Amino acid sequence: MKVLANTYASTYSTKLNKFPVFNINDDLNDLCTSAVSPNTTKATRYALNVWRYWCMTNGLKDHTDITKIPAVKLNELLENFYVTVKKSDGSDFLATSLHAIRRGLDRILKNAGVGFSITSSTFSSSTKKLKEKLWVLSKAGMSGARSRNIVYFSLSDEEEMWQAGCLGDDSPITLLSTVVKYNSQYLNMRTLQEHADLMYGDIELLKDPQNQPYFARTDSVKRESRSGSTRVCHGKIYHEHSRGHKQCPYCLLYKYMYIHRPPAQMEAKSPFYLTARKEATDMGSVWYEEQRMGLRSLRGIVPNLAKKVKLENCENFTFVSFTQVSRRLGSHSCCQ
């Protein structure tokens, strides 16, 4: 698979969390052009690039031209495609994005005049696989649709979490849960996708004009692809010891990023959230595995906190539920 990917390295360019843009001038690109709107053309070309990249990285080079595949064979390929296709960084698409990719592929087939649609009964088995994947994504909080039933934590809810030991630094999962809470509150991270895409280098340790240290979410890894872009802070975390260092957002984030993290996962492009090790007295200072935290586990952190303090409708609590507690952050600002 790696050999295949290297073979085609010159045919497309890729950026972090973006899908490859193929530099191929062929009839398929012409089939993506839409008279409806430029956005439709762009979405269709994106779907084509996703399909081509998936084929190339799965040993299916001969099937990159979707218009040349018979209906029965295409249905078989789509069964696997819907289940396994991911972004170039290995993370899942939102359900709405997967829907859009399917529409784009179907639009190409329609423009090519192949005589069938991947939404027809001929493709019932692949459609079933798609629905199953969409259900999994929705359960993981990745439907892509905006929730209208946001539930917020009260100050007393949070106080109970601290007293019950759900927040703090007593264990790997407790520290991780606290970091998720503070990132949601102070760094304006409101969606599962924002948390899942966060890289280690996206949060920087800086100093203000008064020489006071603070953590800032600058998305520096993402900015690498945009030459000349200004460093922008999406939120800052300072020392806050009014309730003691055990609840200080700066101190706890520092412990997660510099004390209990595997050294190999301190590279700028390392995933920020790592899988917590199981409770063990001999695990030493490293509390986390050298692997990205799963989406299900990441999505479940906030509902699990609600469950531990016996709140109702736990599944309705999300990362946004924390933002009501603290409004210290205003609009985005430039970092010093």
Protein backbone atom coordinates (compact mmCIF):
# COMPACT_ATOMS: atom_id res chain seq x y z
CA MET A 1 0.00 0.00 0.00
CA LYS A 2 2.85 2.40 0.87
CA VAL A 3 4.58 1.57 -2.40
CA LEU A 4 1.40 2.33 -4.29
CA ALA A 5 0.98 5.66 -2.51
CA ASN A 6 4.59 6.62 -3.27
CA THR A 7 4.13 5.71 -6.92
CA TYR A 8 1.37 8.28 -7.24
CA ALA A 9 2.93 10.92 -4.99
CA SER A 10 3.65 13.16 -7.96
CA THR A 11 0.04 13.17 -9.18
CA TYR A 12 -1.52 14.91 -6.22
CA SER A 13 -0.73 17.31 -3.40
CA THR A 14 -2.03 16.96 0.16
CA LYS A 15 -2.31 19.16 3.25
CA LEU A 16 -3.04 18.33 6.88
CA ASN A 17 -6.66 17.19 7.27
CA LYS A 18 -7.32 18.06 3.63
CA PHE A 19 -7.88 15.61 0.83
CA PRO A 20 -5.41 15.38 -2.05
CA VAL A 21 -5.98 17.62 -5.04
CA PHE A 22 -5.12 15.62 -8.14
CA ASN A 23 -3.17 17.40 -10.83
CA ILE A 24 -4.61 15.35 -13.66
CA ASN A 25 -6.30 16.90 -16.67
CA ASP A 26 -8.79 14.34 -17.91
CA ASP A 27 -12.40 13.80 -18.88
CA LEU A 28 -13.45 13.06 -15.31
CA ASN A 29 -12.56 16.57 -14.19
CA ASP A 30 -14.69 17.91 -17.04
CA LEU A 31 -17.61 15.80 -15.81
CA CYS A 32 -17.41 17.61 -12.47
CA THR A 33 -18.24 20.97 -14.02
CA SER A 34 -21.74 22.09 -13.09
CA ALA A 35 -23.92 24.77 -14.60
CA VAL A 36 -25.75 25.10 -11.28
CA SER A 37 -23.01 26.85 -9.31
CA PRO A 38 -19.23 26.98 -8.81
CA ASN A 39 -19.74 25.45 -5.35
CA THR A 40 -21.38 22.39 -6.88
CA THR A 41 -18.42 21.99 -9.24
CA LYS A 42 -16.01 22.29 -6.32
CA ALA A 43 -17.92 19.72 -4.24
CA THR A 44 -18.04 17.28 -7.16
CA ARG A 45 -14.30 17.55 -7.79
CA TYR A 46 -13.70 16.98 -4.09
CA ALA A 47 -15.76 13.78 -4.23
CA LEU A 48 -13.73 12.63 -7.24
CA ASN A 49 -10.45 13.27 -5.40
CA VAL A 50 -11.68 11.34 -2.37
CA TRP A 51 -12.63 8.37 -4.57
CA ARG A 52 -9.31 8.39 -6.45
CA TYR A 53 -7.26 8.65 -3.27
CA TRP A 54 -9.21 5.80 -1.65
CA CYS A 55 -8.64 3.60 -4.72
CA MET A 56 -4.92 4.38 -4.89
CA THR A 57 -4.33 3.68 -1.21
CA ASN A 58 -6.31 0.43 -1.27
CA GLY A 59 -4.70 -1.30 -4.23
CA LEU A 60 -7.53 -0.39 -6.61
CA LYS A 61 -5.64 1.69 -9.17
CA ASP A 62 -7.67 0.21 -12.05
CA HIS A 63 -10.91 1.55 -10.58
CA THR A 64 -10.00 5.23 -10.21
CA ASP A 65 -12.25 6.01 -13.21
CA ILE A 66 -15.63 5.46 -11.56
CA THR A 67 -17.48 5.87 -14.87
CA LYS A 68 -15.88 2.70 -16.29
CA ILE A 69 -16.99 0.38 -13.46
CA PRO A 70 -20.04 -1.88 -14.07
CA ALA A 71 -22.94 -1.35 -11.66
CA VAL A 72 -22.57 -4.69 -9.84
CA LYS A 73 -18.85 -4.20 -9.29
CA LEU A 74 -19.30 -0.57 -8.25
CA ASN A 75 -21.91 -1.58 -5.69
CA GLU A 76 -19.40 -4.04 -4.24
CA LEU A 77 -16.68 -1.38 -4.08
CA LEU A 78 -19.01 1.16 -2.49
CA GLU A 79 -19.87 -1.29 0.29
CA ASN A 80 -16.24 -1.10 1.35
CA PHE A 81 -15.77 2.56 0.46
CA TYR A 82 -18.54 3.89 2.72
CA VAL A 83 -17.21 1.93 5.68
CA THR A 84 -13.47 2.55 5.31
CA VAL A 85 -13.01 5.93 3.61
CA LYS A 86 -11.31 8.50 5.84
CA LYS A 87 -9.58 11.84 5.61
CA SER A 88 -5.91 11.85 4.67
CA ASP A 89 -4.97 12.17 8.37
CA GLY A 90 -6.91 9.02 9.28
CA SER A 91 -9.92 10.68 10.92
CA ASP A 92 -13.53 10.10 9.89
CA PHE A 93 -15.62 12.40 7.73
CA LEU A 94 -18.72 13.99 9.23
CA ALA A 95 -21.95 12.29 8.20
CA THR A 96 -22.94 15.35 6.18
CA SER A 97 -19.61 15.22 4.32
CA LEU A 98 -20.08 11.53 3.50
CA HIS A 99 -23.53 12.36 2.12
CA ALA A 100 -22.01 15.12 -0.03
CA ILE A 101 -19.31 12.78 -1.37
CA ARG A 102 -21.97 10.28 -2.42
CA ARG A 103 -23.96 13.00 -4.18
CA GLY A 104 -20.80 14.15 -5.97
CA LEU A 105 -19.97 10.67 -7.24
CA ASP A 106 -23.55 10.19 -8.41
CA ARG A 107 -23.40 13.53 -10.23
CA ILE A 108 -20.29 12.40 -12.12
CA LEU A 109 -22.03 9.19 -13.21
CA LYS A 110 -25.08 11.16 -14.32
CA ASN A 111 -22.98 13.61 -16.36
CA ALA A 112 -21.15 10.67 -17.95
CA GLY A 113 -24.46 9.12 -19.02
CA VAL A 114 -23.68 5.65 -17.60
CA GLY A 115 -27.37 4.80 -17.28
CA PHE A 116 -27.55 4.06 -13.54
CA SER A 117 -27.49 5.86 -10.20
CA ILE A 118 -25.76 4.73 -7.00
CA THR A 119 -28.96 5.70 -5.15
CA SER A 120 -31.06 3.13 -7.06
CA SER A 121 -32.23 -0.28 -5.81
CA THR A 122 -29.32 -1.90 -7.67
CA PHE A 123 -27.10 -0.39 -4.99
CA SER A 124 -29.25 -1.44 -2.02
CA SER A 125 -26.47 -3.35 -0.24
CA SER A 126 -24.00 -0.45 -0.44
CA THR A 127 -26.73 1.97 0.62
CA LYS A 128 -27.31 -0.21 3.68
CA LYS A 129 -23.59 0.00 4.53
CA LEU A 130 -23.76 3.78 4.14
CA LYS A 131 -26.72 4.04 6.53
CA GLU A 132 -24.89 1.90 9.08
CA LYS A 133 -21.82 4.16 8.88
CA LEU A 134 -23.96 7.29 9.18
CA TRP A 135 -25.57 5.86 12.31
CA VAL A 136 -22.15 5.19 13.86
CA LEU A 137 -20.99 8.73 13.03
CA SER A 138 -24.15 10.26 14.50
CA LYS A 139 -23.75 8.28 17.73
CA ALA A 140 -20.17 9.57 17.93
CA GLY A 141 -21.41 13.16 17.66
CA MET A 142 -20.24 13.55 14.06
CA SER A 143 -23.53 14.05 12.27
CA GLY A 144 -22.43 17.52 11.21
CA ALA A 145 -25.86 18.89 12.06
CA ARG A 146 -26.13 21.66 14.63
CA SER A 147 -27.78 20.59 17.87
CA ARG A 148 -30.76 22.64 19.03
CA ASN A 149 -31.00 20.98 22.46
CA ILE A 150 -27.81 22.15 24.14
CA VAL A 151 -27.70 21.55 27.89
CA TYR A 152 -25.30 23.56 30.04
CA PHE A 153 -23.52 22.61 33.24
CA SER A 154 -24.22 24.82 36.26
CA LEU A 155 -21.52 26.00 38.64
CA SER A 156 -22.83 23.54 41.23
CA ASP A 157 -22.57 20.71 38.67
CA GLU A 158 -18.91 21.53 38.15
CA GLU A 159 -18.26 21.83 41.87
CA GLU A 160 -19.71 18.36 42.35
CA MET A 161 -17.40 17.01 39.61
CA TRP A 162 -14.37 18.35 41.46
CA GLN A 163 -15.54 17.01 44.82
CA ALA A 164 -16.33 13.59 43.34
CA GLY A 165 -12.86 13.34 41.81
CA CYS A 166 -14.15 13.39 38.22
CA LEU A 167 -11.92 16.39 37.50
CA GLY A 168 -8.34 17.00 38.58
CA ASP A 169 -5.05 15.16 38.12
CA ASP A 170 -5.51 12.01 40.21
CA SER A 171 -5.56 9.66 37.20
CA PRO A 172 -4.95 9.67 33.42
CA ILE A 173 -8.64 9.85 32.50
CA THR A 174 -9.38 12.48 35.16
CA LEU A 175 -6.61 14.76 33.87
CA LEU A 176 -7.69 14.18 30.27
CA SER A 177 -11.31 15.01 31.13
CA THR A 178 -10.18 18.23 32.81
CA VAL A 179 -8.09 19.25 29.81
CA VAL A 180 -11.11 18.67 27.54
CA LYS A 181 -13.21 20.83 29.86
CA TYR A 182 -10.73 23.73 29.90
CA ASN A 183 -10.02 23.53 26.16
CA SER A 184 -13.76 23.74 25.54
CA GLN A 185 -14.18 26.68 27.92
CA TYR A 186 -11.12 28.81 27.36
CA LEU A 187 -9.91 27.86 23.86
CA ASN A 188 -13.30 28.10 22.12
CA MET A 189 -13.38 24.44 21.10
CA ARG A 190 -17.05 23.65 20.68
CA THR A 191 -17.31 20.65 18.38
CA LEU A 192 -16.06 17.08 18.28
CA GLN A 193 -14.36 17.82 14.96
CA GLU A 194 -12.36 20.69 16.46
CA HIS A 195 -11.18 18.49 19.32
CA ALA A 196 -10.46 15.51 17.05
CA ASP A 197 -8.41 17.62 14.59
CA LEU A 198 -6.34 19.32 17.31
CA MET A 199 -2.60 18.73 17.03
CA TYR A 200 0.04 19.11 19.74
CA GLY A 201 1.56 22.14 18.01
CA ASP A 202 -1.80 23.92 17.75
CA ILE A 203 -1.51 24.93 21.42
CA GLU A 204 1.56 27.06 22.17
CA LEU A 205 3.16 28.25 25.41
CA LEU A 206 3.74 32.02 25.06
CA LYS A 207 4.35 35.14 27.18
CA ASP A 208 2.40 38.39 27.24
CA PRO A 209 3.93 41.93 27.41
CA GLN A 210 4.05 41.63 31.22
CA ASN A 211 6.13 38.47 30.82
CA GLN A 212 3.27 36.33 32.14
CA PRO A 213 3.17 32.82 30.61
CA TYR A 214 -0.01 31.53 29.02
CA PHE A 215 -1.20 28.79 26.70
CA ALA A 216 -2.83 29.88 23.45
CA ARG A 217 -4.62 27.94 20.78
CA THR A 218 -2.99 29.30 17.63
CA ASP A 219 -3.63 26.41 15.21
CA SER A 220 -0.01 26.81 14.11
CA VAL A 221 0.08 23.36 12.46
CA LYS A 222 -2.85 24.30 10.23
CA ARG A 223 -1.27 27.70 9.48
CA GLU A 224 1.78 26.03 7.94
CA SER A 225 -0.16 25.61 4.71
CA ARG A 226 -1.05 29.31 4.59
CA SER A 227 2.09 31.34 3.93
CA GLY A 228 2.10 34.79 5.45
CA SER A 229 -0.88 34.11 7.69
CA THR A 230 -1.01 36.04 10.97
CA ARG A 231 -0.85 34.13 14.23
CA VAL A 232 -4.30 34.36 15.78
CA CYS A 233 -5.31 33.31 19.28
CA HIS A 234 -8.57 31.40 19.59
CA GLY A 235 -8.30 31.65 23.37
CA LYS A 236 -5.76 31.89 26.20
CA ILE A 237 -5.16 30.00 29.43
CA TYR A 238 -3.36 31.78 32.28
CA HIS A 239 -2.47 30.68 35.80
CA GLU A 240 -5.56 30.83 38.02
CA HIS A 241 -4.85 29.89 41.64
CA SER A 242 -7.89 31.40 43.37
CA ARG A 243 -9.07 27.85 44.06
CA GLY A 244 -5.61 26.35 44.39
CA HIS A 245 -3.21 24.87 41.85
CA LYS A 246 -5.19 21.59 41.80
CA GLN A 247 -7.86 23.38 39.76
CA CYS A 248 -5.59 25.76 37.85
CA PRO A 249 -6.25 25.37 34.09
CA TYR A 250 -2.67 26.37 33.23
CA CYS A 251 -1.07 23.91 35.67
CA LEU A 252 -3.26 21.01 34.58
CA LEU A 253 -2.71 21.66 30.87
CA TYR A 254 1.04 21.91 31.53
CA LYS A 255 1.00 18.51 33.26
CA TYR A 256 -0.85 16.94 30.32
CA MET A 257 1.41 18.45 27.65
CA TYR A 258 4.84 18.24 29.31
CA ILE A 259 4.85 15.82 32.26
CA HIS A 260 2.57 12.86 31.62
CA ARG A 261 2.84 12.66 27.82
CA PRO A 262 5.07 10.22 25.88
CA PRO A 263 8.11 12.16 24.54
CA ALA A 264 7.49 10.72 21.06
CA GLN A 265 4.07 12.44 21.04
CA MET A 266 5.45 15.93 21.64
CA GLU A 267 5.99 16.67 17.96
CA ALA A 268 3.99 19.52 16.43
CA LYS A 269 1.96 17.16 14.24
CA SER A 270 1.29 14.60 16.97
CA PRO A 271 -2.41 14.19 17.84
CA PHE A 272 -3.24 16.25 20.93
CA TYR A 273 -5.59 13.79 22.60
CA LEU A 274 -4.02 10.42 23.41
CA THR A 275 -5.46 7.18 24.76
CA ALA A 276 -5.24 7.06 28.56
CA ARG A 277 -3.39 4.14 30.08
CA LYS A 278 -5.29 1.88 32.47
CA GLU A 279 -4.90 2.57 36.15
CA ALA A 280 -1.56 1.20 37.36
CA THR A 281 0.72 2.09 40.25
CA ASP A 282 3.87 1.41 38.24
CA MET A 283 3.11 3.36 35.07
CA GLY A 284 5.53 6.12 36.08
CA SER A 285 5.24 9.64 34.72
CA VAL A 286 3.88 8.59 31.30
CA TRP A 287 0.12 8.27 31.59
CA TYR A 288 -0.86 7.98 27.93
CA GLU A 289 -0.32 5.60 25.04
CA GLU A 290 1.42 6.60 21.82
CA GLN A 291 -1.82 6.57 19.88
CA ARG A 292 -4.64 8.97 19.08
CA MET A 293 -7.67 8.82 21.33
CA GLY A 294 -10.63 7.19 19.58
CA LEU A 295 -13.56 9.33 18.47
CA ARG A 296 -16.05 7.36 20.57
CA SER A 297 -13.94 7.84 23.69
CA LEU A 298 -13.42 11.54 22.98
CA ARG A 299 -17.11 12.07 22.29
CA GLY A 300 -18.02 10.23 25.50
CA ILE A 301 -15.94 12.33 27.91
CA VAL A 302 -18.54 15.04 28.55
CA PRO A 303 -21.60 12.72 28.80
CA ASN A 304 -19.60 10.50 31.18
CA LEU A 305 -18.89 13.47 33.44
CA ALA A 306 -22.61 14.24 33.51
CA LYS A 307 -23.37 10.61 34.30
CA LYS A 308 -20.90 10.48 37.20
CA VAL A 309 -22.67 13.34 38.97
CA LYS A 310 -26.06 11.79 38.21
CA LEU A 311 -27.45 14.41 35.83
CA GLU A 312 -30.42 13.60 33.60
CA ASN A 313 -30.22 13.31 29.80
CA CYS A 314 -26.46 12.80 29.94
CA GLU A 315 -26.15 12.33 26.16
CA ASN A 316 -27.32 15.91 25.60
CA PHE A 317 -24.21 17.32 27.27
CA THR A 318 -21.48 18.24 24.78
CA PHE A 319 -18.30 20.32 24.64
CA VAL A 320 -20.48 23.43 24.35
CA SER A 321 -22.00 22.64 27.75
CA PHE A 322 -18.91 24.06 29.45
CA THR A 323 -18.87 27.42 27.65
CA GLN A 324 -21.76 28.78 29.72
CA VAL A 325 -19.68 28.52 32.89
CA SER A 326 -16.97 30.99 31.89
CA ARG A 327 -17.27 33.93 29.49
CA ARG A 328 -13.76 35.29 30.04
CA LEU A 329 -12.91 35.01 26.35
CA GLY A 330 -14.08 37.47 23.79
CA SER A 331 -13.57 37.40 20.03
CA HIS A 332 -10.38 36.10 18.45
CA SER A 333 -7.32 38.26 18.94
CA CYS A 334 -3.76 38.41 17.69
CA CYS A 335 -1.16 36.77 19.91
CA GLN A 336 1.70 38.79 21.31
